[in-house]
C-alpha atoms as a PDB file:
ATOM      1  CA  MET A   1      64.537-146.337-172.531  1.00  0.00           C
ATOM      2  CA  ALA A   2      68.017-145.403-172.785  1.00  0.00           C
ATOM      3  CA  ALA A   3      70.672-147.671-174.235  1.00  0.00           C
ATOM      4  CA  LEU A   4      74.357-148.183-172.487  1.00  0.00           C
ATOM      5  CA  THR A   5      77.597-149.603-174.129  1.00  0.00           C
ATOM      6  CA  ILE A   6      80.152-151.221-171.872  1.00  0.00           C
ATOM      7  CA  ARG A   7      83.139-151.825-173.174  1.00  0.00           C
ATOM      8  CA  ASN A   8      86.378-154.028-172.264  1.00  0.00           C
ATOM      9  CA  ILE A   9      84.513-156.700-169.979  1.00  0.00           C
ATOM     10  CA  ASP A  10      86.671-159.562-169.337  1.00  0.00           C
ATOM     11  CA  GLU A  11      85.913-162.834-171.345  1.00  0.00           C
ATOM     12  CA  GLU A  12      85.486-164.924-168.116  1.00  0.00           C
ATOM     13  CA  VAL A  13      82.801-162.289-166.998  1.00  0.00           C
ATOM     14  CA  LYS A  14      80.993-162.553-170.256  1.00  0.00           C
ATOM     15  CA  THR A  15      80.830-166.295-170.209  1.00  0.00           C
ATOM     16  CA  ARG A  16      79.624-166.704-166.804  1.00  0.00           C
ATOM     17  CA  LEU A  17      76.982-164.061-167.455  1.00  0.00           C
ATOM     18  CA  ARG A  18      75.824-165.904-170.665  1.00  0.00           C
ATOM     19  CA  MET A  19      75.747-169.233-168.476  1.00  0.00           C
ATOM     20  CA  GLN A  20      73.926-167.368-165.752  1.00  0.00           C
ATOM     21  CA  ALA A  21      71.155-165.851-168.437  1.00  0.00           C
ATOM     22  CA  ALA A  22      70.745-169.378-169.986  1.00  0.00           C
ATOM     23  CA  GLN A  23      70.255-170.714-166.521  1.00  0.00           C
ATOM     24  CA  HIS A  24      67.405-168.317-166.064  1.00  0.00           C
ATOM     25  CA  GLY A  25      66.168-168.590-169.567  1.00  0.00           C
ATOM     26  CA  CYS A  26      66.779-165.170-170.960  1.00  0.00           C
ATOM     27  CA  SER A  27      69.106-163.198-173.004  1.00  0.00           C
ATOM     28  CA  MET A  28      72.334-161.758-171.967  1.00  0.00           C
ATOM     29  CA  GLU A  29      70.879-158.438-172.163  1.00  0.00           C
ATOM     30  CA  GLN A  30      67.862-159.144-170.067  1.00  0.00           C
ATOM     31  CA  GLU A  31      70.119-160.924-167.351  1.00  0.00           C
ATOM     32  CA  VAL A  32      72.314-157.509-167.392  1.00  0.00           C
ATOM     33  CA  ARG A  33      69.086-155.186-166.781  1.00  0.00           C
ATOM     34  CA  GLU A  34      68.219-157.655-164.114  1.00  0.00           C
ATOM     35  CA  ILE A  35      71.371-157.350-162.242  1.00  0.00           C
ATOM     36  CA  LEU A  36      71.421-153.446-162.742  1.00  0.00           C
ATOM     37  CA  GLN A  37      68.033-153.224-161.144  1.00  0.00           C
ATOM     38  CA  ARG A  38      68.729-155.269-158.262  1.00  0.00           C
ATOM     39  CA  ALA A  39      71.944-153.536-157.557  1.00  0.00           C
ATOM     40  CA  VAL A  40      70.902-150.189-157.741  1.00  0.00           C
ATOM     41  CA  LEU A  41      67.098-149.986-156.849  1.00  0.00           C
ATOM     42  CA  SER A  42      67.396-152.772-153.720  1.00  0.00           C
ATOM     43  CA  LYS A  43      69.714-150.065-152.010  1.00  0.00           C
ATOM     44  CA  GLN A  44      67.246-147.373-152.691  1.00  0.00           C
ATOM     45  CA  ASN A  45      64.281-148.753-150.886  1.00  0.00           C
ATOM     46  CA  GLN A  46      66.541-150.190-148.049  1.00  0.00           C
ATOM     47  CA  ALA A  47      66.587-148.960-144.676  1.00  0.00           C
ATOM     48  CA  SER A  48      69.659-147.518-143.120  1.00  0.00           C
ATOM     49  CA  PHE A  49      71.340-149.470-140.501  1.00  0.00           C
ATOM     50  CA  ALA A  50      70.045-147.552-137.655  1.00  0.00           C
ATOM     51  CA  GLN A  51      66.531-148.042-138.790  1.00  0.00           C
ATOM     52  CA  ARG A  52      66.905-151.701-139.283  1.00  0.00           C
ATOM     53  CA  ILE A  53      68.226-152.097-135.691  1.00  0.00           C
ATOM     54  CA  GLN A  54      65.356-149.707-134.095  1.00  0.00           C
ATOM     55  CA  GLN A  55      62.872-151.964-136.193  1.00  0.00           C
ATOM     56  CA  HIS A  56      64.183-154.908-134.780  1.00  0.00           C
ATOM     57  CA  PHE A  57      63.969-154.026-131.032  1.00  0.00           C
ATOM     58  CA  THR A  58      60.851-151.831-131.653  1.00  0.00           C
ATOM     59  CA  GLY A  59      58.677-154.693-129.825  1.00  0.00           C
ATOM     60  CA  LEU A  60      60.277-154.694-126.705  1.00  0.00           C
ATOM     61  CA  ASP A  61      58.979-153.216-123.625  1.00  0.00           C
ATOM     62  CA  VAL A  62      62.198-151.878-122.215  1.00  0.00           C
ATOM     63  CA  ASP A  63      62.630-148.276-120.835  1.00  0.00           C
ATOM     64  CA  GLU A  64      66.191-148.703-120.026  1.00  0.00           C
ATOM     65  CA  LEU A  65      68.684-151.688-120.445  1.00  0.00           C
ATOM     66  CA  PRO A  66      70.351-153.228-117.549  1.00  0.00           C
ATOM     67  CA  ILE A  67      73.962-152.534-117.252  1.00  0.00           C
ATOM     68  CA  PRO A  68      75.928-155.455-115.757  1.00  0.00           C
ATOM     69  CA  GLU A  69      78.710-154.316-113.057  1.00  0.00           C
ATOM     70  CA  ARG A  70      82.291-154.638-114.894  1.00  0.00           C
ATOM     71  CA  LYS A  71      84.534-157.203-113.711  1.00  0.00           C
ATOM     72  CA  LEU A  72      88.294-157.568-114.367  1.00  0.00           C
ATOM     73  CA  SER A  73      88.276-160.124-117.260  1.00  0.00           C
ATOM     74  CA  ARG A  74      92.131-161.295-115.911  1.00  0.00           C
ATOM     75  CA  THR A  75      94.312-160.616-113.308  1.00  0.00           C
ATOM     76  CA  PRO A  76      96.635-157.586-114.281  1.00  0.00           C
ATOM     77  CA  PRO A  77     100.475-158.556-114.358  1.00  0.00           C
ATOM     78  CA  VAL A  78     102.801-158.025-111.473  1.00  0.00           C
ATOM     79  CA  VAL A  79     105.073-155.291-112.315  1.00  0.00           C
ATOM     80  CA  GLU A  80     108.480-155.793-110.413  1.00  0.00           C
ATOM     81  CA  GLY A  81     110.639-152.932-110.062  1.00  0.00           C
END
């Protein structure tokens, strides 16, 4: 296992980290390890935005989506002149 030293952490961040670790019943060191694992590994295993959209619509039996006829959303202003 590798070791990592982090310097110049804001006191407020350290205090909140210590409190969060206590709530989870672990040391600050363990809490930091878990935070780093979630931050780095979850993005590795996450599908891209396009893949998530494709998965969402995979079950639909639609060859082509209907495109409604365009309409003016408002009356254009009258130009005097």
